[in-house]
Protein backbone atom coordinates (compact mmCIF):
# COMPACT_ATOMS: atom_id res chain seq x y z
CA MET A 1 -4.21 -17.29 -145.47
CA PHE A 2 -6.36 -18.62 -142.77
CA ARG A 3 -3.70 -17.42 -140.02
CA SER A 4 -3.87 -13.74 -141.32
CA ALA A 5 -7.80 -13.74 -140.91
CA THR A 6 -7.75 -15.25 -137.74
CA LEU A 7 -5.03 -12.41 -136.65
CA LEU A 8 -7.23 -9.80 -137.97
CA GLY A 9 -9.92 -11.06 -135.87
CA SER A 10 -8.13 -11.15 -132.55
CA VAL A 11 -7.07 -7.63 -133.37
CA PHE A 12 -10.52 -6.58 -134.16
CA CYS A 13 -11.84 -8.27 -130.89
CA ALA A 14 -9.27 -6.52 -128.74
CA GLY A 15 -9.89 -3.21 -130.09
CA LEU A 16 -13.43 -3.53 -129.27
CA LEU A 17 -13.20 -4.94 -125.47
CA LEU A 18 -10.77 -1.63 -125.38
CA GLY A 19 -13.53 0.73 -126.33
CA LEU A 20 -15.80 -0.74 -124.22
CA ALA A 21 -13.79 -0.51 -121.14
CA LEU A 22 -12.51 3.00 -122.02
CA ALA A 23 -16.63 4.10 -122.28
CA THR A 24 -17.48 2.63 -118.73
CA TRP A 25 -14.17 4.24 -117.34
CA GLY A 26 -15.21 7.51 -118.54
CA ARG A 27 -18.73 7.63 -117.07
CA SER A 28 -17.40 6.40 -113.68
CA ALA A 29 -14.24 8.85 -112.95
CA PRO A 30 -14.60 12.08 -111.50
CA VAL A 31 -14.48 15.08 -113.80
CA ILE A 32 -11.30 16.67 -113.23
CA GLU A 33 -11.56 20.50 -114.69
CA PRO A 34 -8.42 22.38 -115.36
CA ARG A 35 -7.30 24.96 -112.71
CA VAL A 36 -7.32 28.50 -113.03
CA ALA A 37 -5.43 30.82 -111.33
CA ALA A 38 -7.95 33.12 -108.99
CA PRO A 39 -7.50 37.10 -109.87
CA ALA A 40 -5.67 39.18 -107.44
CA THR A 41 -8.63 40.66 -106.06
CA GLU A 42 -9.98 37.44 -105.08
CA VAL A 43 -10.13 36.15 -101.35
CA SER A 44 -8.81 32.73 -100.97
CA THR A 45 -9.45 30.47 -97.82
CA THR A 46 -5.82 30.80 -96.96
CA ASP A 47 -6.00 34.66 -97.46
CA PRO A 48 -4.84 36.97 -94.27
CA GLN A 49 -7.91 39.07 -95.04
CA PRO A 50 -10.13 37.58 -92.13
CA VAL A 51 -7.66 37.94 -89.60
CA ALA A 52 -7.17 41.36 -90.73
CA SER A 53 -11.01 41.73 -90.40
CA ALA A 54 -11.03 40.39 -86.51
CA THR A 55 -8.19 42.89 -85.92
CA GLU A 56 -10.48 45.78 -87.34
CA SER A 57 -13.43 44.75 -85.17
CA SER A 58 -11.04 44.02 -81.64
CA PRO A 59 -10.81 47.76 -81.09
CA PRO A 60 -14.44 48.28 -80.11
CA ALA A 61 -14.54 44.91 -78.02
CA VAL A 62 -11.46 46.19 -76.10
CA ALA A 63 -13.05 49.60 -75.54
CA GLU A 64 -16.22 47.84 -73.98
CA ALA A 65 -13.77 45.90 -71.50
CA LEU A 66 -12.10 48.90 -70.80
CA GLN A 67 -15.29 50.78 -70.05
CA ALA A 68 -16.76 47.56 -67.86
CA ASN A 69 -13.57 47.48 -66.10
CA ILE A 70 -13.45 51.32 -65.18
CA ALA A 71 -17.24 51.01 -64.07
CA HIS A 72 -16.19 47.93 -61.69
CA LEU A 73 -13.44 49.96 -60.31
CA THR A 74 -15.95 53.32 -59.81
CA ARG A 75 -18.36 51.10 -58.00
CA GLN A 76 -15.24 49.31 -55.59
CA LEU A 77 -14.28 53.07 -55.08
CA GLU A 78 -17.40 54.59 -54.47
CA ALA A 79 -18.09 51.11 -51.82
CA ALA A 80 -14.63 52.10 -50.40
CA SER A 81 -15.55 55.95 -49.81
CA ALA A 82 -18.79 54.84 -48.37
CA ALA A 83 -17.42 52.48 -46.19
CA ARG A 84 -14.72 55.20 -45.18
CA GLN A 85 -17.48 57.83 -44.66
CA GLN A 86 -19.11 55.17 -42.06
CA LEU A 87 -15.85 54.36 -40.08
CA GLN A 88 -15.34 58.52 -39.92
CA ASP A 89 -19.05 58.74 -38.36
CA GLU A 90 -18.20 55.92 -36.30
CA LEU A 91 -15.27 57.55 -35.29
CA SER A 92 -16.72 60.93 -34.81
CA LEU A 93 -19.45 58.83 -32.31
CA VAL A 94 -16.57 57.02 -30.65
CA LYS A 95 -15.17 60.59 -29.74
CA GLU A 96 -18.42 61.95 -28.75
CA THR A 97 -19.08 58.74 -26.38
CA VAL A 98 -15.73 59.37 -24.83
CA GLN A 99 -16.18 62.57 -24.40
CA THR A 100 -19.52 62.30 -22.67
CA LEU A 101 -18.03 59.42 -20.20
CA GLU A 102 -15.10 61.66 -19.39
CA GLN A 103 -17.64 64.26 -18.61
CA ARG A 104 -19.62 61.94 -16.33
CA LEU A 105 -16.81 60.44 -14.62
CA ASP A 106 -15.91 64.04 -13.82
CA GLU A 107 -19.50 64.44 -12.40
CA LEU A 108 -19.25 60.98 -10.98
CA ALA A 109 -15.53 62.58 -9.14
CA GLU A 110 -17.77 65.21 -7.43
CA SER A 111 -21.18 63.63 -6.95
CA GLU A 112 -22.40 61.30 -4.40
CA PRO A 113 -22.86 57.67 -5.78
CA ASP A 114 -26.44 55.81 -5.76
CA GLU A 115 -27.41 54.34 -2.80
CA GLU A 116 -30.01 52.98 -0.55
CA PRO A 117 -31.38 55.93 1.69
CA PRO A 118 -29.02 55.93 4.92
CA SER A 119 -30.81 53.96 7.84
CA PRO A 120 -29.32 55.70 10.97
CA PRO A 121 -31.36 56.33 13.02
CA ALA A 122 -34.51 54.66 11.69
CA ALA A 123 -32.85 51.40 11.79
CA ARG A 124 -31.96 51.63 15.51
CA ALA A 125 -33.88 51.52 18.54
CA ARG A 126 -36.51 54.11 18.73
CA GLN A 127 -35.52 54.94 22.81
CA SER A 128 -31.49 54.86 21.56
CA ASP A 129 -32.33 57.24 18.94
CA THR A 130 -34.19 60.04 21.08
CA GLU A 131 -31.42 59.84 23.74
CA THR A 132 -28.80 60.33 21.60
CA LEU A 133 -30.22 63.60 19.89
CA ILE A 134 -31.22 64.84 23.53
CA ALA A 135 -27.46 64.10 24.28
CA ALA A 136 -26.48 66.46 21.04
CA GLY A 137 -28.53 69.24 22.38
CA PHE A 138 -31.77 68.71 21.45
CA ASP A 139 -35.09 68.77 23.85
CA PRO A 140 -36.65 65.36 24.44
CA ASP A 141 -39.72 66.48 22.40
CA GLU A 142 -37.81 67.88 19.27
CA ALA A 143 -35.89 64.51 19.64
CA GLU A 144 -39.13 62.43 19.39
CA TYR A 145 -39.73 64.48 16.57
CA LEU A 146 -37.17 64.11 14.67
CA VAL A 147 -37.07 60.31 15.13
CA ASP A 148 -40.60 60.37 13.70
CA ARG A 149 -39.85 62.63 11.02
CA TRP A 150 -36.50 61.08 9.81
CA GLY A 151 -38.41 57.74 9.35
CA GLN A 152 -41.18 59.42 7.26
CA GLN A 153 -38.14 60.89 5.26
CA GLN A 154 -36.69 57.61 4.64
CA MET A 155 -40.12 56.04 3.77
CA ASP A 156 -40.89 58.85 1.31
CA LEU A 157 -37.40 58.23 -0.49
CA LEU A 158 -38.41 54.56 -0.70
CA TYR A 159 -42.00 55.48 -2.38
CA LEU A 160 -39.98 58.12 -4.98
CA ARG A 161 -37.91 55.23 -5.77
CA ASP A 162 -40.39 52.49 -6.15
CA GLN A 163 -42.68 55.17 -8.23
CA ALA A 164 -39.81 56.34 -10.47
CA ILE A 165 -38.77 52.22 -11.23
CA ARG A 166 -42.42 51.65 -11.97
CA GLU A 167 -42.73 54.71 -14.19
CA GLY A 168 -39.49 54.15 -15.99
CA TRP A 169 -37.78 57.88 -15.05
CA ILE A 170 -35.37 56.29 -12.22
CA ASP A 171 -32.41 57.78 -13.68
CA THR A 172 -33.35 60.77 -14.70
CA PRO A 173 -33.35 64.56 -14.04
CA ARG A 174 -36.50 64.41 -13.00
CA TYR A 175 -35.72 61.63 -9.96
CA GLU A 176 -32.63 63.34 -8.91
CA GLN A 177 -34.68 66.84 -8.14
CA ALA A 178 -37.60 64.82 -6.65
CA THR A 179 -34.73 63.28 -4.45
CA ARG A 180 -33.26 66.47 -3.80
CA ASP A 181 -36.26 68.19 -2.67
CA LEU A 182 -37.17 65.41 -0.18
CA ARG A 183 -33.86 65.60 1.64
CA SER A 184 -33.21 69.45 1.65
CA GLY A 185 -36.30 70.83 -0.11
CA ASN A 186 -39.09 72.49 1.55
CA GLY A 187 -40.96 70.57 4.23
CA SER A 188 -37.33 68.35 4.74
CA ILE A 189 -35.61 67.90 8.02
CA ARG A 190 -32.48 70.20 6.86
CA GLU A 191 -35.21 72.88 5.83
CA GLU A 192 -37.17 72.52 9.26
CA LEU A 193 -33.75 72.62 10.98
CA GLY A 194 -31.63 74.97 9.63
CA PRO A 195 -27.80 74.26 8.72
CA GLU A 196 -26.31 74.46 12.23
CA ALA A 197 -28.95 72.33 13.70
CA TYR A 198 -29.02 69.40 10.82
CA ASP A 199 -25.18 69.50 11.06
CA ARG A 200 -25.42 68.54 15.09
CA PHE A 201 -28.45 65.85 13.90
CA LEU A 202 -26.49 64.12 11.58
CA PHE A 203 -23.33 63.81 13.67
CA ALA A 204 -25.63 62.58 16.47
CA THR A 205 -27.06 59.96 14.11
CA GLY A 206 -24.34 58.65 13.00
CA ARG A 207 -24.06 60.04 9.31
CA SER A 208 -21.24 61.75 7.83
CA ASN A 209 -21.48 65.24 7.68
CA ARG A 210 -18.48 66.65 5.73
CA VAL A 211 -17.38 66.31 1.91
CA VAL A 212 -13.65 65.72 1.96
CA LEU A 213 -10.95 66.22 -0.92
CA ASN A 214 -9.28 62.94 -1.67
CA SER A 215 -6.99 64.28 -4.29
CA ILE A 216 -6.93 67.09 -6.65
CA ILE A 217 -6.52 66.98 -10.41
CA ASP A 218 -3.61 68.43 -11.94
CA SER A 219 -4.39 71.89 -14.02
CA SER A 220 -7.66 71.99 -12.23
CA PRO A 221 -9.41 74.98 -10.60
CA ALA A 222 -8.85 73.32 -7.02
CA GLN A 223 -5.03 72.92 -8.12
CA THR A 224 -4.90 76.47 -9.02
CA ILE A 225 -6.52 78.07 -5.79
CA GLY A 226 -4.67 75.87 -3.34
CA LEU A 227 -7.31 73.30 -2.33
CA GLN A 228 -5.15 69.96 -1.00
CA PRO A 229 -6.32 66.36 -0.20
CA GLY A 230 -7.83 66.41 3.30
CA ASP A 231 -9.56 69.74 2.80
CA ALA A 232 -13.41 69.22 4.00
CA ILE A 233 -15.53 71.70 2.14
CA LEU A 234 -18.07 73.81 4.59
CA SER A 235 -19.63 75.69 2.28
CA TYR A 236 -19.85 76.91 -1.39
CA ASP A 237 -21.34 80.19 -2.37
CA GLY A 238 -22.82 80.65 0.93
CA SER A 239 -24.62 77.14 1.07
CA ARG A 240 -23.59 74.69 3.61
CA ILE A 241 -22.28 71.33 1.95
CA PHE A 242 -22.88 68.25 3.54
CA SER A 243 -23.23 65.52 0.83
CA PHE A 244 -21.98 65.17 -2.83
CA ARG A 245 -25.29 65.87 -3.93
CA ASP A 246 -24.89 69.38 -2.06
CA LEU A 247 -21.77 70.15 -4.00
CA ARG A 248 -23.05 68.97 -7.19
CA THR A 249 -26.19 71.34 -6.94
CA VAL A 250 -24.20 74.09 -6.10
CA THR A 251 -21.55 74.01 -8.83
CA THR A 252 -23.69 73.58 -11.46
CA ALA A 253 -25.83 76.41 -10.63
CA GLY A 254 -25.59 79.97 -11.26
CA GLU A 255 -23.16 81.35 -14.12
CA PRO A 256 -20.13 79.12 -15.75
CA GLY A 257 -17.20 80.51 -14.53
CA GLN A 258 -18.76 83.10 -12.12
CA ARG A 259 -16.22 83.86 -9.04
CA VAL A 260 -17.44 82.32 -5.84
CA VAL A 261 -16.41 81.61 -2.16
CA ILE A 262 -15.33 78.07 -1.13
CA GLU A 263 -14.99 77.62 2.63
CA ILE A 264 -12.80 74.89 3.73
CA VAL A 265 -11.29 73.25 6.57
CA ARG A 266 -7.66 72.40 7.11
CA ASP A 267 -6.18 70.97 10.01
CA GLY A 268 -8.89 72.34 12.37
CA GLN A 269 -8.80 76.29 10.68
CA ARG A 270 -11.46 77.36 8.53
CA LEU A 271 -10.23 79.31 5.41
CA GLU A 272 -12.17 81.07 2.43
CA LEU A 273 -10.99 81.18 -1.05
CA GLU A 274 -11.94 82.20 -4.51
CA ILE A 275 -12.66 79.84 -7.21
CA ASP A 276 -14.44 80.02 -10.34
CA ARG A 277 -18.26 78.20 -10.44
CA GLY A 278 -18.26 74.91 -12.28
CA PRO A 279 -16.20 71.93 -11.74
CA ILE A 280 -13.67 71.83 -9.31
CA GLY A 281 -11.35 68.81 -10.29
CA VAL A 282 -11.08 66.83 -7.41
CA THR A 283 -12.09 63.35 -6.23
CA LEU A 284 -14.36 63.26 -2.80
CA GLY A 285 -14.72 61.39 -0.13
CA SER A 286 -16.61 61.90 3.28
CA ARG A 287 -16.39 61.52 6.92
CA ARG A 288 -18.13 62.40 10.40
CA ASP A 289 -16.76 65.62 12.37
CA GLU A 290 -18.04 67.11 15.06
CA PRO A 291 -19.67 70.19 14.62
């Protein structure tokens, strides 16, 4: 009897402890709710719908990228077009410069190079100059006058050059015209003496008095009319030629293409040929021939 009571007490105590344990565990354990299947219309985190949304938003982004690329390429094309136009403008300028230089070379071929005014007879002894001119057929008084007049003309040329340099018009048509006037214009020795006496004066004072042809340019007017290297030009359209400047002056006067007479000396004989006014198409030299 005592043993049965003891057994019942032990069972009671064990049941009490088990109940307390279950109650304590129920308060601390996480609540697990039964999982309910999501409706078919509900979007889960693994549903591909977000990807589809991203795909749907990509065409505007692609369009914007394409527009940006097109704008960039358009700017590059415009820059390339501007650069091409600039190159074309520069090429045109180069062509014009080349044409100008070619024209200038043609002018130089038929013009006198820049040089200081010739020194004879001013650089020689006065007595020697006078005697030389007398020997050339000038009377003593005229010879004395020409020596003085020549020296004055050379100083006038020097003063003119100095003025042109100081005032900035040394390489201008104004300077060229002023030089031409001093050398052969009114009041010059050439104008005072006339062509024949001036020719003797140049020869007597040791200066060149003939313009000669060094070479003939192919397909030029000179070649067309039969001019030859070594020919000396005596006159052009009735004007006596003593220097490169003289020839340049007469070829650029009058109407281009006008038929004029050019007088030459070839092998001691005088010949007259017709030529169109303008560039002759030759390279020039000079020499001193007895009148």
